[in-house]
Amino acid sequence: MNPDFLCRFLLWSLLVNYAILLAWFLVFVFARSWMHRLHGRWFHLSDAAFDAIHYGGMAVYKIGILLFNLAPLLALCLMGRGS
């Protein structure tokens, strides 16, 4: 595969994933009660458990973005500059 194509792909993937993370955060901050009611239909969670699950989920998602998008993108960019 072409390294330029991979760089562009990883950059777009990084942007899309950060947009998803930002949307999740904004919905959690501004529509938390709606989300709690929606998830409360299926799961009986306390407020603290609901917050912890979402906060942990966002943290894991962000680590995944850094590990699978940003780190390979930086490695490819550094390899391209070295040659």
PDB file of N, CA and C in Angstrom:
ATOM      1  N   MET A   1       0.830  -1.188   0.000  1.00  0.00           N
ATOM      2  CA  MET A   1       0.000   0.000   0.000  1.00  0.00           C
ATOM      3  C   MET A   1       0.872   1.247   0.000  1.00  0.00           C
ATOM      4  N   ASN A   2       0.329   2.280  -0.525  1.00  0.00           N
ATOM      5  CA  ASN A   2       1.007   3.563  -0.608  1.00  0.00           C
ATOM      6  C   ASN A   2       1.011   4.235   0.771  1.00  0.00           C
ATOM      7  N   PRO A   3       2.183   4.636   1.269  1.00  0.00           N
ATOM      8  CA  PRO A   3       2.221   5.296   2.587  1.00  0.00           C
ATOM      9  C   PRO A   3       1.414   6.594   2.635  1.00  0.00           C
ATOM     10  N   ASP A   4       1.346   7.315   1.523  1.00  0.00           N
ATOM     11  CA  ASP A   4       0.558   8.545   1.489  1.00  0.00           C
ATOM     12  C   ASP A   4      -0.926   8.236   1.676  1.00  0.00           C
ATOM     13  N   PHE A   5      -1.378   7.163   1.030  1.00  0.00           N
ATOM     14  CA  PHE A   5      -2.774   6.747   1.195  1.00  0.00           C
ATOM     15  C   PHE A   5      -3.048   6.364   2.648  1.00  0.00           C
ATOM     16  N   LEU A   6      -2.141   5.614   3.252  1.00  0.00           N
ATOM     17  CA  LEU A   6      -2.318   5.213   4.649  1.00  0.00           C
ATOM     18  C   LEU A   6      -2.340   6.416   5.583  1.00  0.00           C
ATOM     19  N   CYS A   7      -1.488   7.387   5.313  1.00  0.00           N
ATOM     20  CA  CYS A   7      -1.486   8.605   6.139  1.00  0.00           C
ATOM     21  C   CYS A   7      -2.819   9.334   6.045  1.00  0.00           C
ATOM     22  N   ARG A   8      -3.317   9.470   4.830  1.00  0.00           N
ATOM     23  CA  ARG A   8      -4.608  10.152   4.659  1.00  0.00           C
ATOM     24  C   ARG A   8      -5.743   9.357   5.313  1.00  0.00           C
ATOM     25  N   PHE A   9      -5.701   8.029   5.141  1.00  0.00           N
ATOM     26  CA  PHE A   9      -6.732   7.180   5.743  1.00  0.00           C
ATOM     27  C   PHE A   9      -6.719   7.304   7.262  1.00  0.00           C
ATOM     28  N   LEU A  10      -5.534   7.214   7.859  1.00  0.00           N
ATOM     29  CA  LEU A  10      -5.439   7.308   9.315  1.00  0.00           C
ATOM     30  C   LEU A  10      -5.831   8.690   9.822  1.00  0.00           C
ATOM     31  N   LEU A  11      -5.503   9.722   9.059  1.00  0.00           N
ATOM     32  CA  LEU A  11      -5.891  11.070   9.464  1.00  0.00           C
ATOM     33  C   LEU A  11      -7.407  11.219   9.463  1.00  0.00           C
ATOM     34  N   TRP A  12      -8.068  10.747   8.404  1.00  0.00           N
ATOM     35  CA  TRP A  12      -9.526  10.823   8.351  1.00  0.00           C
ATOM     36  C   TRP A  12     -10.164   9.954   9.434  1.00  0.00           C
ATOM     37  N   SER A  13      -9.581   8.784   9.670  1.00  0.00           N
ATOM     38  CA  SER A  13     -10.085   7.916  10.718  1.00  0.00           C
ATOM     39  C   SER A  13      -9.957   8.587  12.085  1.00  0.00           C
ATOM     40  N   LEU A  14      -8.836   9.254  12.315  1.00  0.00           N
ATOM     41  CA  LEU A  14      -8.619   9.989  13.557  1.00  0.00           C
ATOM     42  C   LEU A  14      -9.668  11.081  13.730  1.00  0.00           C
ATOM     43  N   LEU A  15      -9.915  11.836  12.679  1.00  0.00           N
ATOM     44  CA  LEU A  15     -10.895  12.922  12.760  1.00  0.00           C
ATOM     45  C   LEU A  15     -12.313  12.403  12.995  1.00  0.00           C
ATOM     46  N   VAL A  16     -12.692  11.345  12.295  1.00  0.00           N
ATOM     47  CA  VAL A  16     -14.030  10.786  12.467  1.00  0.00           C
ATOM     48  C   VAL A  16     -14.202  10.238  13.879  1.00  0.00           C
ATOM     49  N   ASN A  17     -13.192   9.532  14.377  1.00  0.00           N
ATOM     50  CA  ASN A  17     -13.297   8.971  15.721  1.00  0.00           C
ATOM     51  C   ASN A  17     -13.331  10.053  16.791  1.00  0.00           C
ATOM     52  N   TYR A  18     -12.562  11.116  16.625  1.00  0.00           N
ATOM     53  CA  TYR A  18     -12.633  12.206  17.589  1.00  0.00           C
ATOM     54  C   TYR A  18     -13.979  12.932  17.504  1.00  0.00           C
ATOM     55  N   ALA A  19     -14.573  13.016  16.313  1.00  0.00           N
ATOM     56  CA  ALA A  19     -15.908  13.609  16.188  1.00  0.00           C
ATOM     57  C   ALA A  19     -16.942  12.767  16.933  1.00  0.00           C
ATOM     58  N   ILE A  20     -16.813  11.439  16.829  1.00  0.00           N
ATOM     59  CA  ILE A  20     -17.714  10.549  17.561  1.00  0.00           C
ATOM     60  C   ILE A  20     -17.533  10.726  19.062  1.00  0.00           C
ATOM     61  N   LEU A  21     -16.289  10.790  19.507  1.00  0.00           N
ATOM     62  CA  LEU A  21     -16.011  10.982  20.931  1.00  0.00           C
ATOM     63  C   LEU A  21     -16.555  12.323  21.425  1.00  0.00           C
ATOM     64  N   LEU A  22     -16.390  13.375  20.632  1.00  0.00           N
ATOM     65  CA  LEU A  22     -16.903  14.683  21.002  1.00  0.00           C
ATOM     66  C   LEU A  22     -18.433  14.675  21.068  1.00  0.00           C
ATOM     67  N   ALA A  23     -19.076  14.021  20.102  1.00  0.00           N
ATOM     68  CA  ALA A  23     -20.540  13.931  20.116  1.00  0.00           C
ATOM     69  C   ALA A  23     -21.018  13.173  21.351  1.00  0.00           C
ATOM     70  N   TRP A  24     -20.343  12.076  21.676  1.00  0.00           N
ATOM     71  CA  TRP A  24     -20.686  11.300  22.884  1.00  0.00           C
ATOM     72  C   TRP A  24     -20.562  12.177  24.123  1.00  0.00           C
ATOM     73  N   PHE A  25     -19.458  12.921  24.213  1.00  0.00           N
ATOM     74  CA  PHE A  25     -19.250  13.795  25.372  1.00  0.00           C
ATOM     75  C   PHE A  25     -20.324  14.873  25.451  1.00  0.00           C
ATOM     76  N   LEU A  26     -20.636  15.513  24.324  1.00  0.00           N
ATOM     77  CA  LEU A  26     -21.637  16.583  24.329  1.00  0.00           C
ATOM     78  C   LEU A  26     -23.017  16.061  24.698  1.00  0.00           C
ATOM     79  N   VAL A  27     -23.379  14.908  24.173  1.00  0.00           N
ATOM     80  CA  VAL A  27     -24.678  14.321  24.545  1.00  0.00           C
ATOM     81  C   VAL A  27     -24.675  13.964  26.021  1.00  0.00           C
ATOM     82  N   PHE A  28     -23.554  13.438  26.512  1.00  0.00           N
ATOM     83  CA  PHE A  28     -23.474  13.081  27.932  1.00  0.00           C
ATOM     84  C   PHE A  28     -23.605  14.317  28.815  1.00  0.00           C
ATOM     85  N   VAL A  29     -23.000  15.422  28.405  1.00  0.00           N
ATOM     86  CA  VAL A  29     -23.045  16.640  29.227  1.00  0.00           C
ATOM     87  C   VAL A  29     -24.409  17.329  29.137  1.00  0.00           C
ATOM     88  N   PHE A  30     -24.936  17.470  27.916  1.00  0.00           N
ATOM     89  CA  PHE A  30     -26.133  18.286  27.737  1.00  0.00           C
ATOM     90  C   PHE A  30     -27.441  17.500  27.712  1.00  0.00           C
ATOM     91  N   ALA A  31     -27.377  16.186  27.537  1.00  0.00           N
ATOM     92  CA  ALA A  31     -28.608  15.381  27.504  1.00  0.00           C
ATOM     93  C   ALA A  31     -28.450  14.139  28.379  1.00  0.00           C
ATOM     94  N   ARG A  32     -27.797  14.330  29.518  1.00  0.00           N
ATOM     95  CA  ARG A  32     -27.523  13.201  30.400  1.00  0.00           C
ATOM     96  C   ARG A  32     -28.798  12.536  30.893  1.00  0.00           C
ATOM     97  N   SER A  33     -29.777  13.316  31.266  1.00  0.00           N
ATOM     98  CA  SER A  33     -31.022  12.735  31.795  1.00  0.00           C
ATOM     99  C   SER A  33     -31.739  11.916  30.719  1.00  0.00           C
ATOM    100  N   TRP A  34     -31.719  12.403  29.483  1.00  0.00           N
ATOM    101  CA  TRP A  34     -32.326  11.648  28.381  1.00  0.00           C
ATOM    102  C   TRP A  34     -31.595  10.322  28.178  1.00  0.00           C
ATOM    103  N   MET A  35     -30.248  10.358  28.207  1.00  0.00           N
ATOM    104  CA  MET A  35     -29.475   9.129  28.052  1.00  0.00           C
ATOM    105  C   MET A  35     -29.745   8.166  29.205  1.00  0.00           C
ATOM    106  N   HIS A  36     -29.851   8.703  30.416  1.00  0.00           N
ATOM    107  CA  HIS A  36     -30.093   7.846  31.577  1.00  0.00           C
ATOM    108  C   HIS A  36     -31.468   7.193  31.475  1.00  0.00           C
ATOM    109  N   ARG A  37     -32.473   7.944  31.025  1.00  0.00           N
ATOM    110  CA  ARG A  37     -33.801   7.359  30.838  1.00  0.00           C
ATOM    111  C   ARG A  37     -33.784   6.298  29.745  1.00  0.00           C
ATOM    112  N   LEU A  38     -33.084   6.573  28.655  1.00  0.00           N
ATOM    113  CA  LEU A  38     -33.006   5.620  27.540  1.00  0.00           C
ATOM    114  C   LEU A  38     -32.335   4.327  27.980  1.00  0.00           C
ATOM    115  N   HIS A  39     -31.201   4.432  28.643  1.00  0.00           N
ATOM    116  CA  HIS A  39     -30.502   3.236  29.103  1.00  0.00           C
ATOM    117  C   HIS A  39     -31.210   2.600  30.291  1.00  0.00           C
ATOM    118  N   GLY A  40     -31.964   3.395  31.032  1.00  0.00           N
ATOM    119  CA  GLY A  40     -32.705   2.866  32.170  1.00  0.00           C
ATOM    120  C   GLY A  40     -33.818   1.916  31.772  1.00  0.00           C
ATOM    121  N   ARG A  41     -34.224   1.963  30.513  1.00  0.00           N
ATOM    122  CA  ARG A  41     -35.235   1.014  30.041  1.00  0.00           C
ATOM    123  C   ARG A  41     -34.692  -0.406  30.026  1.00  0.00           C
ATOM    124  N   TRP A  42     -33.410  -0.544  29.772  1.00  0.00           N
ATOM    125  CA  TRP A  42     -32.798  -1.871  29.655  1.00  0.00           C
ATOM    126  C   TRP A  42     -32.010  -2.263  30.898  1.00  0.00           C
ATOM    127  N   PHE A  43     -31.362  -1.289  31.526  1.00  0.00           N
ATOM    128  CA  PHE A  43     -30.486  -1.573  32.652  1.00  0.00           C
ATOM    129  C   PHE A  43     -30.885  -0.695  33.833  1.00  0.00           C
ATOM    130  N   HIS A  44     -30.914  -1.271  34.998  1.00  0.00           N
ATOM    131  CA  HIS A  44     -31.233  -0.519  36.207  1.00  0.00           C
ATOM    132  C   HIS A  44     -29.913  -0.084  36.850  1.00  0.00           C
ATOM    133  N   LEU A  45     -29.485   1.137  36.525  1.00  0.00           N
ATOM    134  CA  LEU A  45     -28.209   1.657  37.003  1.00  0.00           C
ATOM    135  C   LEU A  45     -28.433   2.859  37.909  1.00  0.00           C
ATOM    136  N   SER A  46     -27.613   2.943  38.928  1.00  0.00           N
ATOM    137  CA  SER A  46     -27.636   4.151  39.750  1.00  0.00           C
ATOM    138  C   SER A  46     -26.962   5.279  38.962  1.00  0.00           C
ATOM    139  N   ASP A  47     -27.137   6.500  39.436  1.00  0.00           N
ATOM    140  CA  ASP A  47     -26.507   7.639  38.762  1.00  0.00           C
ATOM    141  C   ASP A  47     -24.992   7.510  38.760  1.00  0.00           C
ATOM    142  N   ALA A  48     -24.419   7.068  39.863  1.00  0.00           N
ATOM    143  CA  ALA A  48     -22.963   6.934  39.948  1.00  0.00           C
ATOM    144  C   ALA A  48     -22.457   5.855  38.999  1.00  0.00           C
ATOM    145  N   ALA A  49     -23.168   4.733  38.915  1.00  0.00           N
ATOM    146  CA  ALA A  49     -22.755   3.663  38.011  1.00  0.00           C
ATOM    147  C   ALA A  49     -22.877   4.107  36.553  1.00  0.00           C
ATOM    148  N   PHE A  50     -23.951   4.803  36.240  1.00  0.00           N
ATOM    149  CA  PHE A  50     -24.153   5.316  34.879  1.00  0.00           C
ATOM    150  C   PHE A  50     -23.017   6.251  34.483  1.00  0.00           C
ATOM    151  N   ASP A  51     -22.674   7.179  35.369  1.00  0.00           N
ATOM    152  CA  ASP A  51     -21.583   8.110  35.086  1.00  0.00           C
ATOM    153  C   ASP A  51     -20.254   7.384  34.936  1.00  0.00           C
ATOM    154  N   ALA A  52     -19.986   6.428  35.814  1.00  0.00           N
ATOM    155  CA  ALA A  52     -18.718   5.696  35.768  1.00  0.00           C
ATOM    156  C   ALA A  52     -18.597   4.879  34.484  1.00  0.00           C
ATOM    157  N   ILE A  53     -19.671   4.251  34.065  1.00  0.00           N
ATOM    158  CA  ILE A  53     -19.634   3.455  32.842  1.00  0.00           C
ATOM    159  C   ILE A  53     -19.361   4.335  31.635  1.00  0.00           C
ATOM    160  N   HIS A  54     -20.036   5.471  31.546  1.00  0.00           N
ATOM    161  CA  HIS A  54     -19.818   6.351  30.398  1.00  0.00           C
ATOM    162  C   HIS A  54     -18.438   6.992  30.426  1.00  0.00           C
ATOM    163  N   TYR A  55     -17.992   7.401  31.591  1.00  0.00           N
ATOM    164  CA  TYR A  55     -16.667   7.996  31.704  1.00  0.00           C
ATOM    165  C   TYR A  55     -15.594   6.968  31.345  1.00  0.00           C
ATOM    166  N   GLY A  56     -15.739   5.758  31.852  1.00  0.00           N
ATOM    167  CA  GLY A  56     -14.793   4.695  31.509  1.00  0.00           C
ATOM    168  C   GLY A  56     -14.839   4.335  30.037  1.00  0.00           C
ATOM    169  N   GLY A  57     -16.036   4.301  29.476  1.00  0.00           N
ATOM    170  CA  GLY A  57     -16.173   4.007  28.051  1.00  0.00           C
ATOM    171  C   GLY A  57     -15.504   5.059  27.189  1.00  0.00           C
ATOM    172  N   MET A  58     -15.682   6.316  27.556  1.00  0.00           N
ATOM    173  CA  MET A  58     -15.022   7.390  26.805  1.00  0.00           C
ATOM    174  C   MET A  58     -13.510   7.298  26.932  1.00  0.00           C
ATOM    175  N   ALA A  59     -13.016   6.937  28.108  1.00  0.00           N
ATOM    176  CA  ALA A  59     -11.573   6.807  28.306  1.00  0.00           C
ATOM    177  C   ALA A  59     -11.005   5.668  27.460  1.00  0.00           C
ATOM    178  N   VAL A  60     -11.676   4.523  27.445  1.00  0.00           N
ATOM    179  CA  VAL A  60     -11.217   3.386  26.648  1.00  0.00           C
ATOM    180  C   VAL A  60     -11.263   3.728  25.161  1.00  0.00           C
ATOM    181  N   TYR A  61     -12.328   4.403  24.729  1.00  0.00           N
ATOM    182  CA  TYR A  61     -12.454   4.793  23.324  1.00  0.00           C
ATOM    183  C   TYR A  61     -11.327   5.752  22.930  1.00  0.00           C
ATOM    184  N   LYS A  62     -11.021   6.700  23.799  1.00  0.00           N
ATOM    185  CA  LYS A  62      -9.954   7.652  23.506  1.00  0.00           C
ATOM    186  C   LYS A  62      -8.601   6.953  23.447  1.00  0.00           C
ATOM    187  N   ILE A  63      -8.350   6.034  24.353  1.00  0.00           N
ATOM    188  CA  ILE A  63      -7.094   5.279  24.304  1.00  0.00           C
ATOM    189  C   ILE A  63      -7.020   4.469  23.015  1.00  0.00           C
ATOM    190  N   GLY A  64      -8.130   3.900  22.595  1.00  0.00           N
ATOM    191  CA  GLY A  64      -8.170   3.170  21.327  1.00  0.00           C
ATOM    192  C   GLY A  64      -7.861   4.062  20.137  1.00  0.00           C
ATOM    193  N   ILE A  65      -8.392   5.275  20.154  1.00  0.00           N
ATOM    194  CA  ILE A  65      -8.100   6.233  19.082  1.00  0.00           C
ATOM    195  C   ILE A  65      -6.612   6.546  19.049  1.00  0.00           C
ATOM    196  N   LEU A  66      -6.037   6.804  20.208  1.00  0.00           N
ATOM    197  CA  LEU A  66      -4.610   7.130  20.273  1.00  0.00           C
ATOM    198  C   LEU A  66      -3.759   5.953  19.829  1.00  0.00           C
ATOM    199  N   LEU A  67      -4.140   4.744  20.235  1.00  0.00           N
ATOM    200  CA  LEU A  67      -3.353   3.560  19.942  1.00  0.00           C
ATOM    201  C   LEU A  67      -3.474   3.125  18.488  1.00  0.00           C
ATOM    202  N   PHE A  68      -4.678   3.161  17.941  1.00  0.00           N
ATOM    203  CA  PHE A  68      -4.905   2.610  16.609  1.00  0.00           C
ATOM    204  C   PHE A  68      -4.953   3.635  15.490  1.00  0.00           C
ATOM    205  N   ASN A  69      -5.027   4.915  15.804  1.00  0.00           N
ATOM    206  CA  ASN A  69      -5.051   5.941  14.765  1.00  0.00           C
ATOM    207  C   ASN A  69      -3.860   6.882  14.853  1.00  0.00           C
ATOM    208  N   LEU A  70      -3.670   7.496  16.013  1.00  0.00           N
ATOM    209  CA  LEU A  70      -2.643   8.523  16.135  1.00  0.00           C
ATOM    210  C   LEU A  70      -1.226   7.947  16.117  1.00  0.00           C
ATOM    211  N   ALA A  71      -0.992   6.875  16.859  1.00  0.00           N
ATOM    212  CA  ALA A  71       0.362   6.296  16.905  1.00  0.00           C
ATOM    213  C   ALA A  71       0.820   5.803  15.527  1.00  0.00           C
ATOM    214  N   PRO A  72      -0.001   5.047  14.779  1.00  0.00           N
ATOM    215  CA  PRO A  72       0.444   4.654  13.434  1.00  0.00           C
ATOM    216  C   PRO A  72       0.606   5.847  12.492  1.00  0.00           C
ATOM    217  N   LEU A  73      -0.254   6.846  12.640  1.00  0.00           N
ATOM    218  CA  LEU A  73      -0.142   8.039  11.797  1.00  0.00           C
ATOM    219  C   LEU A  73       1.179   8.755  12.054  1.00  0.00           C
ATOM    220  N   LEU A  74       1.531   8.936  13.309  1.00  0.00           N
ATOM    221  CA  LEU A  74       2.794   9.576  13.638  1.00  0.00           C
ATOM    222  C   LEU A  74       3.992   8.751  13.145  1.00  0.00           C
ATOM    223  N   ALA A  75       3.904   7.434  13.282  1.00  0.00           N
ATOM    224  CA  ALA A  75       4.990   6.582  12.810  1.00  0.00           C
ATOM    225  C   ALA A  75       5.165   6.698  11.300  1.00  0.00           C
ATOM    226  N   LEU A  76       4.072   6.699  10.559  1.00  0.00           N
ATOM    227  CA  LEU A  76       4.158   6.834   9.107  1.00  0.00           C
ATOM    228  C   LEU A  76       4.693   8.200   8.714  1.00  0.00           C
ATOM    229  N   CYS A  77       4.257   9.234   9.395  1.00  0.00           N
ATOM    230  CA  CYS A  77       4.753  10.574   9.075  1.00  0.00           C
ATOM    231  C   CYS A  77       6.246  10.694   9.375  1.00  0.00           C
ATOM    232  N   LEU A  78       6.697  10.122  10.487  1.00  0.00           N
ATOM    233  CA  LEU A  78       8.110  10.165  10.813  1.00  0.00           C
ATOM    234  C   LEU A  78       8.944   9.325   9.844  1.00  0.00           C
ATOM    235  N   MET A  79       8.403   8.209   9.399  1.00  0.00           N
ATOM    236  CA  MET A  79       9.105   7.398   8.391  1.00  0.00           C
ATOM    237  C   MET A  79       9.215   8.140   7.072  1.00  0.00           C
ATOM    238  N   GLY A  80       8.178   8.863   6.711  1.00  0.00           N
ATOM    239  CA  GLY A  80       8.185   9.622   5.451  1.00  0.00           C
ATOM    240  C   GLY A  80       9.175  10.759   5.467  1.00  0.00           C
ATOM    241  N   ARG A  81       9.369  11.367   6.617  1.00  0.00           N
ATOM    242  CA  ARG A  81      10.324  12.487   6.717  1.00  0.00           C
ATOM    243  C   ARG A  81      11.775  12.004   6.720  1.00  0.00           C
ATOM    244  N   GLY A  82      11.968  10.780   7.187  1.00  0.00           N
ATOM    245  CA  GLY A  82      13.323  10.248   7.265  1.00  0.00           C
ATOM    246  C   GLY A  82      13.889   9.821   5.933  1.00  0.00           C
ATOM    247  N   SER A  83      13.027   9.522   4.987  1.00  0.00           N
ATOM    248  CA  SER A  83      13.528   9.051   3.687  1.00  0.00           C
ATOM    249  C   SER A  83      13.641  10.134   2.656  1.00  0.00           C
TER     250      SER A  83
END
